[in-house]
Amino acid sequence: MAAFVVSIVARPSDKPGNDASQVPANYEFQYAVKDGDSGNDFTHLEDRDGDAVSGSYYVQLPDGRLQKVIYTVSGDSGYVAEIAYEGEAQYPPSEPPAYP
């Protein structure tokens, strides 16, 4: 059974009267998916206020580890990320090829 969660909140600007192209972006969102049948397990959260963006996401990797990323963007500084892994990579035992 799959579980899906989505939440998006657009926060109103504190500068009334400006058209949408002149109002700085101001929002937050999050979503999550967890599906036991396929093994998909990930989530993403982000918050933006003008040029300042912060967020995080995680994803369950096929090797069993959990990859976590925390990121920020501030103006023209670019995308700055901290990446961490939890768990130890596990690989299924490989079987030798069957030759006729």
PDB file of N, CA and C in Angstrom:
ATOM      1  N   MET A   1       0.840  -1.181   0.000  1.00  0.00           N
ATOM      2  CA  MET A   1       0.000   0.000   0.000  1.00  0.00           C
ATOM      3  C   MET A   1       0.884   1.242   0.000  1.00  0.00           C
ATOM      4  N   ALA A   2       0.543   2.206  -0.815  1.00  0.00           N
ATOM      5  CA  ALA A   2       1.326   3.429  -0.935  1.00  0.00           C
ATOM      6  C   ALA A   2       0.701   4.542  -0.104  1.00  0.00           C
ATOM      7  N   ALA A   3       1.552   5.393   0.436  1.00  0.00           N
ATOM      8  CA  ALA A   3       1.096   6.575   1.162  1.00  0.00           C
ATOM      9  C   ALA A   3       1.693   7.799   0.493  1.00  0.00           C
ATOM     10  N   PHE A   4       0.861   8.777   0.188  1.00  0.00           N
ATOM     11  CA  PHE A   4       1.311   9.997  -0.457  1.00  0.00           C
ATOM     12  C   PHE A   4       0.796  11.185   0.347  1.00  0.00           C
ATOM     13  N   VAL A   5       1.664  12.166   0.594  1.00  0.00           N
ATOM     14  CA  VAL A   5       1.282  13.367   1.330  1.00  0.00           C
ATOM     15  C   VAL A   5       1.830  14.569   0.571  1.00  0.00           C
ATOM     16  N   VAL A   6       0.996  15.567   0.318  1.00  0.00           N
ATOM     17  CA  VAL A   6       1.432  16.790  -0.351  1.00  0.00           C
ATOM     18  C   VAL A   6       0.857  17.982   0.392  1.00  0.00           C
ATOM     19  N   SER A   7       1.686  19.002   0.605  1.00  0.00           N
ATOM     20  CA  SER A   7       1.224  20.227   1.253  1.00  0.00           C
ATOM     21  C   SER A   7       1.933  21.408   0.605  1.00  0.00           C
ATOM     22  N   ILE A   8       1.183  22.398   0.148  1.00  0.00           N
ATOM     23  CA  ILE A   8       1.752  23.601  -0.455  1.00  0.00           C
ATOM     24  C   ILE A   8       1.066  24.802   0.171  1.00  0.00           C
ATOM     25  N   VAL A   9       1.849  25.772   0.628  1.00  0.00           N
ATOM     26  CA  VAL A   9       1.306  26.976   1.227  1.00  0.00           C
ATOM     27  C   VAL A   9       1.963  28.177   0.556  1.00  0.00           C
ATOM     28  N   ALA A  10       1.181  29.004  -0.106  1.00  0.00           N
ATOM     29  CA  ALA A  10       1.677  30.260  -0.664  1.00  0.00           C
ATOM     30  C   ALA A  10       1.368  31.345   0.346  1.00  0.00           C
ATOM     31  N   ARG A  11       2.392  31.987   0.841  1.00  0.00           N
ATOM     32  CA  ARG A  11       2.186  33.034   1.836  1.00  0.00           C
ATOM     33  C   ARG A  11       1.974  34.368   1.127  1.00  0.00           C
ATOM     34  N   PRO A  12       1.016  35.151   1.568  1.00  0.00           N
ATOM     35  CA  PRO A  12       0.757  36.435   0.902  1.00  0.00           C
ATOM     36  C   PRO A  12       1.926  37.396   1.085  1.00  0.00           C
ATOM     37  N   SER A  13       2.118  38.237   0.100  1.00  0.00           N
ATOM     38  CA  SER A  13       3.176  39.239   0.166  1.00  0.00           C
ATOM     39  C   SER A  13       2.771  40.350   1.118  1.00  0.00           C
ATOM     40  N   ASP A  14       3.768  40.969   1.745  1.00  0.00           N
ATOM     41  CA  ASP A  14       3.460  42.104   2.621  1.00  0.00           C
ATOM     42  C   ASP A  14       3.451  43.419   1.841  1.00  0.00           C
ATOM     43  N   LYS A  15       3.509  43.340   0.490  1.00  0.00           N
ATOM     44  CA  LYS A  15       3.499  44.536  -0.343  1.00  0.00           C
ATOM     45  C   LYS A  15       2.272  44.509  -1.251  1.00  0.00           C
ATOM     46  N   PRO A  16       1.116  44.927  -0.758  1.00  0.00           N
ATOM     47  CA  PRO A  16      -0.088  44.893  -1.586  1.00  0.00           C
ATOM     48  C   PRO A  16       0.023  45.871  -2.758  1.00  0.00           C
ATOM     49  N   GLY A  17      -0.676  45.534  -3.841  1.00  0.00           N
ATOM     50  CA  GLY A  17      -0.722  46.427  -4.976  1.00  0.00           C
ATOM     51  C   GLY A  17       0.290  46.115  -6.061  1.00  0.00           C
ATOM     52  N   ASN A  18       1.301  45.292  -5.792  1.00  0.00           N
ATOM     53  CA  ASN A  18       2.271  44.925  -6.813  1.00  0.00           C
ATOM     54  C   ASN A  18       1.714  43.807  -7.672  1.00  0.00           C
ATOM     55  N   ASP A  19       2.059  43.826  -8.958  1.00  0.00           N
ATOM     56  CA  ASP A  19       1.622  42.700  -9.773  1.00  0.00           C
ATOM     57  C   ASP A  19       2.519  41.497  -9.477  1.00  0.00           C
ATOM     58  N   ALA A  20       2.084  40.319  -9.876  1.00  0.00           N
ATOM     59  CA  ALA A  20       2.750  39.069  -9.510  1.00  0.00           C
ATOM     60  C   ALA A  20       4.202  39.015  -9.963  1.00  0.00           C
ATOM     61  N   SER A  21       4.560  39.677 -11.077  1.00  0.00           N
ATOM     62  CA  SER A  21       5.936  39.608 -11.561  1.00  0.00           C
ATOM     63  C   SER A  21       6.895  40.413 -10.694  1.00  0.00           C
ATOM     64  N   GLN A  22       6.389  41.286  -9.834  1.00  0.00           N
ATOM     65  CA  GLN A  22       7.250  42.116  -8.997  1.00  0.00           C
ATOM     66  C   GLN A  22       7.243  41.684  -7.538  1.00  0.00           C
ATOM     67  N   VAL A  23       6.452  40.698  -7.190  1.00  0.00           N
ATOM     68  CA  VAL A  23       6.367  40.236  -5.811  1.00  0.00           C
ATOM     69  C   VAL A  23       7.363  39.109  -5.605  1.00  0.00           C
ATOM     70  N   PRO A  24       8.223  39.202  -4.595  1.00  0.00           N
ATOM     71  CA  PRO A  24       9.190  38.126  -4.358  1.00  0.00           C
ATOM     72  C   PRO A  24       8.476  36.814  -4.020  1.00  0.00           C
ATOM     73  N   ALA A  25       9.080  35.720  -4.442  1.00  0.00           N
ATOM     74  CA  ALA A  25       8.510  34.405  -4.139  1.00  0.00           C
ATOM     75  C   ALA A  25       8.472  34.196  -2.633  1.00  0.00           C
ATOM     76  N   ASN A  26       7.380  33.623  -2.169  1.00  0.00           N
ATOM     77  CA  ASN A  26       7.198  33.409  -0.741  1.00  0.00           C
ATOM     78  C   ASN A  26       6.290  32.194  -0.568  1.00  0.00           C
ATOM     79  N   TYR A  27       6.877  31.022  -0.276  1.00  0.00           N
ATOM     80  CA  TYR A  27       6.082  29.807  -0.175  1.00  0.00           C
ATOM     81  C   TYR A  27       6.785  28.763   0.684  1.00  0.00           C
ATOM     82  N   GLU A  28       6.058  27.713   0.978  1.00  0.00           N
ATOM     83  CA  GLU A  28       6.630  26.509   1.590  1.00  0.00           C
ATOM     84  C   GLU A  28       5.875  25.316   1.037  1.00  0.00           C
ATOM     85  N   PHE A  29       6.576  24.191   0.907  1.00  0.00           N
ATOM     86  CA  PHE A  29       5.902  22.980   0.457  1.00  0.00           C
ATOM     87  C   PHE A  29       6.581  21.768   1.059  1.00  0.00           C
ATOM     88  N   GLN A  30       5.846  20.680   1.031  1.00  0.00           N
ATOM     89  CA  GLN A  30       6.412  19.394   1.449  1.00  0.00           C
ATOM     90  C   GLN A  30       5.634  18.279   0.777  1.00  0.00           C
ATOM     91  N   TYR A  31       6.323  17.184   0.520  1.00  0.00           N
ATOM     92  CA  TYR A  31       5.644  15.995   0.027  1.00  0.00           C
ATOM     93  C   TYR A  31       6.414  14.768   0.490  1.00  0.00           C
ATOM     94  N   ALA A  32       5.715  13.668   0.525  1.00  0.00           N
ATOM     95  CA  ALA A  32       6.319  12.414   0.966  1.00  0.00           C
ATOM     96  C   ALA A  32       5.640  11.262   0.241  1.00  0.00           C
ATOM     97  N   VAL A  33       6.423  10.242  -0.044  1.00  0.00           N
ATOM     98  CA  VAL A  33       5.917   9.020  -0.667  1.00  0.00           C
ATOM     99  C   VAL A  33       6.546   7.846   0.063  1.00  0.00           C
ATOM    100  N   LYS A  34       5.729   6.897   0.432  1.00  0.00           N
ATOM    101  CA  LYS A  34       6.229   5.664   1.029  1.00  0.00           C
ATOM    102  C   LYS A  34       5.398   4.523   0.461  1.00  0.00           C
ATOM    103  N   ASP A  35       6.042   3.679  -0.347  1.00  0.00           N
ATOM    104  CA  ASP A  35       5.364   2.575  -1.007  1.00  0.00           C
ATOM    105  C   ASP A  35       6.141   1.288  -0.738  1.00  0.00           C
ATOM    106  N   GLY A  36       5.606   0.475   0.131  1.00  0.00           N
ATOM    107  CA  GLY A  36       6.275  -0.764   0.500  1.00  0.00           C
ATOM    108  C   GLY A  36       6.445  -1.740  -0.647  1.00  0.00           C
ATOM    109  N   ASP A  37       5.491  -1.769  -1.564  1.00  0.00           N
ATOM    110  CA  ASP A  37       5.579  -2.708  -2.689  1.00  0.00           C
ATOM    111  C   ASP A  37       6.775  -2.419  -3.586  1.00  0.00           C
ATOM    112  N   SER A  38       7.014  -1.152  -3.894  1.00  0.00           N
ATOM    113  CA  SER A  38       8.121  -0.797  -4.790  1.00  0.00           C
ATOM    114  C   SER A  38       9.391  -0.442  -4.038  1.00  0.00           C
ATOM    115  N   GLY A  39       9.278  -0.156  -2.743  1.00  0.00           N
ATOM    116  CA  GLY A  39      10.435   0.267  -1.965  1.00  0.00           C
ATOM    117  C   GLY A  39      10.681   1.764  -2.025  1.00  0.00           C
ATOM    118  N   ASN A  40       9.840   2.510  -2.758  1.00  0.00           N
ATOM    119  CA  ASN A  40      10.004   3.963  -2.827  1.00  0.00           C
ATOM    120  C   ASN A  40       9.714   4.584  -1.463  1.00  0.00           C
ATOM    121  N   ASP A  41      10.645   5.403  -0.997  1.00  0.00           N
ATOM    122  CA  ASP A  41      10.507   6.070   0.296  1.00  0.00           C
ATOM    123  C   ASP A  41      11.295   7.369   0.213  1.00  0.00           C
ATOM    124  N   PHE A  42      10.593   8.508   0.059  1.00  0.00           N
ATOM    125  CA  PHE A  42      11.289   9.782  -0.020  1.00  0.00           C
ATOM    126  C   PHE A  42      10.378  10.911   0.440  1.00  0.00           C
ATOM    127  N   THR A  43      11.015  12.013   0.807  1.00  0.00           N
ATOM    128  CA  THR A  43      10.277  13.200   1.229  1.00  0.00           C
ATOM    129  C   THR A  43      11.079  14.440   0.853  1.00  0.00           C
ATOM    130  N   HIS A  44      10.405  15.566   0.720  1.00  0.00           N
ATOM    131  CA  HIS A  44      11.065  16.823   0.363  1.00  0.00           C
ATOM    132  C   HIS A  44      10.307  17.961   1.037  1.00  0.00           C
ATOM    133  N   LEU A  45      11.039  18.871   1.669  1.00  0.00           N
ATOM    134  CA  LEU A  45      10.471  20.063   2.297  1.00  0.00           C
ATOM    135  C   LEU A  45      11.262  21.268   1.803  1.00  0.00           C
ATOM    136  N   GLU A  46      10.571  22.380   1.523  1.00  0.00           N
ATOM    137  CA  GLU A  46      11.274  23.591   1.098  1.00  0.00           C
ATOM    138  C   GLU A  46      10.510  24.807   1.570  1.00  0.00           C
ATOM    139  N   ASP A  47      11.264  25.859   1.912  1.00  0.00           N
ATOM    140  CA  ASP A  47      10.711  27.121   2.385  1.00  0.00           C
ATOM    141  C   ASP A  47      11.449  28.236   1.647  1.00  0.00           C
ATOM    142  N   ARG A  48      10.706  29.152   1.050  1.00  0.00           N
ATOM    143  CA  ARG A  48      11.331  30.257   0.327  1.00  0.00           C
ATOM    144  C   ARG A  48      10.715  31.568   0.767  1.00  0.00           C
ATOM    145  N   ASP A  49      11.597  32.540   0.983  1.00  0.00           N
ATOM    146  CA  ASP A  49      11.184  33.896   1.312  1.00  0.00           C
ATOM    147  C   ASP A  49      12.065  34.836   0.500  1.00  0.00           C
ATOM    148  N   GLY A  50      11.564  35.279  -0.656  1.00  0.00           N
ATOM    149  CA  GLY A  50      12.363  36.119  -1.546  1.00  0.00           C
ATOM    150  C   GLY A  50      13.509  35.328  -2.146  1.00  0.00           C
ATOM    151  N   ASP A  51      14.749  35.798  -1.940  1.00  0.00           N
ATOM    152  CA  ASP A  51      15.931  35.116  -2.474  1.00  0.00           C
ATOM    153  C   ASP A  51      16.485  34.048  -1.539  1.00  0.00           C
ATOM    154  N   ALA A  52      15.922  33.910  -0.352  1.00  0.00           N
ATOM    155  CA  ALA A  52      16.417  32.929   0.622  1.00  0.00           C
ATOM    156  C   ALA A  52      15.587  31.649   0.546  1.00  0.00           C
ATOM    157  N   VAL A  53      16.257  30.544   0.250  1.00  0.00           N
ATOM    158  CA  VAL A  53      15.598  29.239   0.142  1.00  0.00           C
ATOM    159  C   VAL A  53      16.316  28.260   1.060  1.00  0.00           C
ATOM    160  N   SER A  54      15.550  27.451   1.771  1.00  0.00           N
ATOM    161  CA  SER A  54      16.140  26.369   2.557  1.00  0.00           C
ATOM    162  C   SER A  54      15.241  25.151   2.426  1.00  0.00           C
ATOM    163  N   GLY A  55      15.841  24.007   2.510  1.00  0.00           N
ATOM    164  CA  GLY A  55      15.048  22.801   2.395  1.00  0.00           C
ATOM    165  C   GLY A  55      15.843  21.562   2.714  1.00  0.00           C
ATOM    166  N   SER A  56      15.158  20.443   2.629  1.00  0.00           N
ATOM    167  CA  SER A  56      15.805  19.157   2.868  1.00  0.00           C
ATOM    168  C   SER A  56      15.009  18.075   2.156  1.00  0.00           C
ATOM    169  N   TYR A  57      15.702  16.994   1.868  1.00  0.00           N
ATOM    170  CA  TYR A  57      15.014  15.830   1.342  1.00  0.00           C
ATOM    171  C   TYR A  57      15.785  14.584   1.720  1.00  0.00           C
ATOM    172  N   TYR A  58      15.089  13.465   1.709  1.00  0.00           N
ATOM    173  CA  TYR A  58      15.767  12.193   1.907  1.00  0.00           C
ATOM    174  C   TYR A  58      15.188  11.188   0.942  1.00  0.00           C
ATOM    175  N   VAL A  59      16.002  10.193   0.641  1.00  0.00           N
ATOM    176  CA  VAL A  59      15.562   9.128  -0.251  1.00  0.00           C
ATOM    177  C   VAL A  59      16.208   7.820   0.196  1.00  0.00           C
ATOM    178  N   GLN A  60      15.415   6.767   0.188  1.00  0.00           N
ATOM    179  CA  GLN A  60      15.920   5.431   0.504  1.00  0.00           C
ATOM    180  C   GLN A  60      16.589   4.898  -0.759  1.00  0.00           C
ATOM    181  N   LEU A  61      17.885   4.651  -0.699  1.00  0.00           N
ATOM    182  CA  LEU A  61      18.635   4.182  -1.862  1.00  0.00           C
ATOM    183  C   LEU A  61      18.446   2.676  -2.067  1.00  0.00           C
ATOM    184  N   PRO A  62      18.638   2.202  -3.289  1.00  0.00           N
ATOM    185  CA  PRO A  62      18.468   0.769  -3.561  1.00  0.00           C
ATOM    186  C   PRO A  62      19.415  -0.118  -2.753  1.00  0.00           C
ATOM    187  N   ASP A  63      20.559   0.422  -2.309  1.00  0.00           N
ATOM    188  CA  ASP A  63      21.502  -0.378  -1.530  1.00  0.00           C
ATOM    189  C   ASP A  63      21.174  -0.413  -0.037  1.00  0.00           C
ATOM    190  N   GLY A  64      20.042   0.187   0.339  1.00  0.00           N
ATOM    191  CA  GLY A  64      19.587   0.127   1.728  1.00  0.00           C
ATOM    192  C   GLY A  64      19.941   1.354   2.554  1.00  0.00           C
ATOM    193  N   ARG A  65      20.816   2.212   2.088  1.00  0.00           N
ATOM    194  CA  ARG A  65      21.180   3.417   2.839  1.00  0.00           C
ATOM    195  C   ARG A  65      20.110   4.496   2.663  1.00  0.00           C
ATOM    196  N   LEU A  66      20.075   5.409   3.614  1.00  0.00           N
ATOM    197  CA  LEU A  66      19.195   6.564   3.554  1.00  0.00           C
ATOM    198  C   LEU A  66      20.070   7.774   3.244  1.00  0.00           C
ATOM    199  N   GLN A  67      19.794   8.465   2.143  1.00  0.00           N
ATOM    200  CA  GLN A  67      20.538   9.664   1.784  1.00  0.00           C
ATOM    201  C   GLN A  67      19.743  10.877   2.239  1.00  0.00           C
ATOM    202  N   LYS A  68      20.381  11.757   3.037  1.00  0.00           N
ATOM    203  CA  LYS A  68      19.739  12.978   3.525  1.00  0.00           C
ATOM    204  C   LYS A  68      20.501  14.184   2.996  1.00  0.00           C
ATOM    205  N   VAL A  69      19.753  15.157   2.466  1.00  0.00           N
ATOM    206  CA  VAL A  69      20.347  16.374   1.928  1.00  0.00           C
ATOM    207  C   VAL A  69      19.657  17.566   2.580  1.00  0.00           C
ATOM    208  N   ILE A  70      20.452  18.476   3.118  1.00  0.00           N
ATOM    209  CA  ILE A  70      19.962  19.745   3.659  1.00  0.00           C
ATOM    210  C   ILE A  70      20.613  20.831   2.811  1.00  0.00           C
ATOM    211  N   TYR A  71      19.800  21.754   2.271  1.00  0.00           N
ATOM    212  CA  TYR A  71      20.361  22.742   1.355  1.00  0.00           C
ATOM    213  C   TYR A  71      19.855  24.141   1.644  1.00  0.00           C
ATOM    214  N   THR A  72      20.624  25.123   1.172  1.00  0.00           N
ATOM    215  CA  THR A  72      20.242  26.528   1.233  1.00  0.00           C
ATOM    216  C   THR A  72      20.655  27.205  -0.070  1.00  0.00           C
ATOM    217  N   VAL A  73      19.942  28.260  -0.388  1.00  0.00           N
ATOM    218  CA  VAL A  73      20.303  29.155  -1.485  1.00  0.00           C
ATOM    219  C   VAL A  73      19.999  30.550  -0.961  1.00  0.00           C
ATOM    220  N   SER A  74      20.984  31.446  -1.050  1.00  0.00           N
ATOM    221  CA  SER A  74      20.782  32.807  -0.574  1.00  0.00           C
ATOM    222  C   SER A  74      21.274  33.761  -1.646  1.00  0.00           C
ATOM    223  N   GLY A  75      20.322  34.386  -2.349  1.00  0.00           N
ATOM    224  CA  GLY A  75      20.689  35.320  -3.412  1.00  0.00           C
ATOM    225  C   GLY A  75      21.467  34.631  -4.513  1.00  0.00           C
ATOM    226  N   ASP A  76      22.618  35.190  -4.852  1.00  0.00           N
ATOM    227  CA  ASP A  76      23.453  34.643  -5.918  1.00  0.00           C
ATOM    228  C   ASP A  76      24.516  33.674  -5.406  1.00  0.00           C
ATOM    229  N   SER A  77      24.401  33.231  -4.145  1.00  0.00           N
ATOM    230  CA  SER A  77      25.433  32.357  -3.571  1.00  0.00           C
ATOM    231  C   SER A  77      25.428  30.960  -4.174  1.00  0.00           C
ATOM    232  N   GLY A  78      24.330  30.584  -4.821  1.00  0.00           N
ATOM    233  CA  GLY A  78      24.244  29.248  -5.405  1.00  0.00           C
ATOM    234  C   GLY A  78      23.709  28.242  -4.404  1.00  0.00           C
ATOM    235  N   TYR A  79      23.596  27.021  -4.873  1.00  0.00           N
ATOM    236  CA  TYR A  79      23.045  25.898  -4.099  1.00  0.00           C
ATOM    237  C   TYR A  79      24.143  25.344  -3.199  1.00  0.00           C
ATOM    238  N   VAL A  80      23.916  25.357  -1.893  1.00  0.00           N
ATOM    239  CA  VAL A  80      24.878  24.846  -0.922  1.00  0.00           C
ATOM    240  C   VAL A  80      24.208  23.682  -0.201  1.00  0.00           C
ATOM    241  N   ALA A  81      24.817  22.496  -0.298  1.00  0.00           N
ATOM    242  CA  ALA A  81      24.184  21.297   0.264  1.00  0.00           C
ATOM    243  C   ALA A  81      25.098  20.562   1.223  1.00  0.00           C
ATOM    244  N   GLU A  82      24.486  20.016   2.252  1.00  0.00           N
ATOM    245  CA  GLU A  82      25.158  19.076   3.161  1.00  0.00           C
ATOM    246  C   GLU A  82      24.518  17.722   2.908  1.00  0.00           C
ATOM    247  N   ILE A  83      25.324  16.727   2.581  1.00  0.00           N
ATOM    248  CA  ILE A  83      24.813  15.397   2.243  1.00  0.00           C
ATOM    249  C   ILE A  83      25.339  14.391   3.260  1.00  0.00           C
ATOM    250  N   ALA A  84      24.432  13.570   3.768  1.00  0.00           N
ATOM    251  CA  ALA A  84      24.812  12.544   4.746  1.00  0.00           C
ATOM    252  C   ALA A  84      24.117  11.234   4.383  1.00  0.00           C
ATOM    253  N   TYR A  85      24.715  10.146   4.805  1.00  0.00           N
ATOM    254  CA  TYR A  85      24.149   8.818   4.564  1.00  0.00           C
ATOM    255  C   TYR A  85      24.002   8.092   5.890  1.00  0.00           C
ATOM    256  N   GLU A  86      22.894   7.389   6.032  1.00  0.00           N
ATOM    257  CA  GLU A  86      22.674   6.554   7.210  1.00  0.00           C
ATOM    258  C   GLU A  86      22.617   5.111   6.770  1.00  0.00           C
ATOM    259  N   GLY A  87      23.173   4.245   7.583  1.00  0.00           N
ATOM    260  CA  GLY A  87      23.166   2.826   7.269  1.00  0.00           C
ATOM    261  C   GLY A  87      24.399   2.417   6.482  1.00  0.00           C
ATOM    262  N   GLU A  88      24.449   1.163   6.159  1.00  0.00           N
ATOM    263  CA  GLU A  88      25.564   0.599   5.408  1.00  0.00           C
ATOM    264  C   GLU A  88      25.029  -0.052   4.146  1.00  0.00           C
ATOM    265  N   ALA A  89      25.744   0.153   3.052  1.00  0.00           N
ATOM    266  CA  ALA A  89      25.295  -0.400   1.775  1.00  0.00           C
ATOM    267  C   ALA A  89      25.247  -1.924   1.850  1.00  0.00           C
ATOM    268  N   GLN A  90      24.151  -2.482   1.385  1.00  0.00           N
ATOM    269  CA  GLN A  90      23.959  -3.932   1.351  1.00  0.00           C
ATOM    270  C   GLN A  90      23.692  -4.349  -0.086  1.00  0.00           C
ATOM    271  N   TYR A  91      24.423  -5.336  -0.534  1.00  0.00           N
ATOM    272  CA  TYR A  91      24.241  -5.832  -1.894  1.00  0.00           C
ATOM    273  C   TYR A  91      23.842  -7.296  -1.828  1.00  0.00           C
ATOM    274  N   PRO A  92      22.853  -7.695  -2.617  1.00  0.00           N
ATOM    275  CA  PRO A  92      22.451  -9.098  -2.594  1.00  0.00           C
ATOM    276  C   PRO A  92      23.594  -9.969  -3.139  1.00  0.00           C
ATOM    277  N   PRO A  93      23.710 -11.179  -2.628  1.00  0.00           N
ATOM    278  CA  PRO A  93      24.764 -12.048  -3.141  1.00  0.00           C
ATOM    279  C   PRO A  93      24.543 -12.320  -4.622  1.00  0.00           C
ATOM    280  N   SER A  94      25.610 -12.257  -5.371  1.00  0.00           N
ATOM    281  CA  SER A  94      25.480 -12.505  -6.804  1.00  0.00           C
ATOM    282  C   SER A  94      25.705 -13.983  -7.091  1.00  0.00           C
ATOM    283  N   GLU A  95      24.932 -14.482  -7.999  1.00  0.00           N
ATOM    284  CA  GLU A  95      25.064 -15.880  -8.389  1.00  0.00           C
ATOM    285  C   GLU A  95      25.916 -15.957  -9.642  1.00  0.00           C
ATOM    286  N   PRO A  96      26.762 -16.965  -9.737  1.00  0.00           N
ATOM    287  CA  PRO A  96      27.561 -17.098 -10.947  1.00  0.00           C
ATOM    288  C   PRO A  96      26.657 -17.365 -12.146  1.00  0.00           C
ATOM    289  N   PRO A  97      27.057 -16.891 -13.336  1.00  0.00           N
ATOM    290  CA  PRO A  97      26.217 -17.108 -14.502  1.00  0.00           C
ATOM    291  C   PRO A  97      26.066 -18.592 -14.811  1.00  0.00           C
ATOM    292  N   ALA A  98      24.889 -18.954 -15.273  1.00  0.00           N
ATOM    293  CA  ALA A  98      24.631 -20.359 -15.644  1.00  0.00           C
ATOM    294  C   ALA A  98      25.006 -20.557 -17.105  1.00  0.00           C
ATOM    295  N   TYR A  99      25.985 -21.414 -17.337  1.00  0.00           N
ATOM    296  CA  TYR A  99      26.411 -21.715 -18.695  1.00  0.00           C
ATOM    297  C   TYR A  99      25.762 -23.020 -19.148  1.00  0.00           C
ATOM    298  N   PRO A 100      25.325 -23.068 -20.413  1.00  0.00           N
ATOM    299  CA  PRO A 100      24.684 -24.317 -20.893  1.00  0.00           C
ATOM    300  C   PRO A 100      25.691 -25.459 -21.035  1.00  0.00           C
TER     301      PRO A 100
END
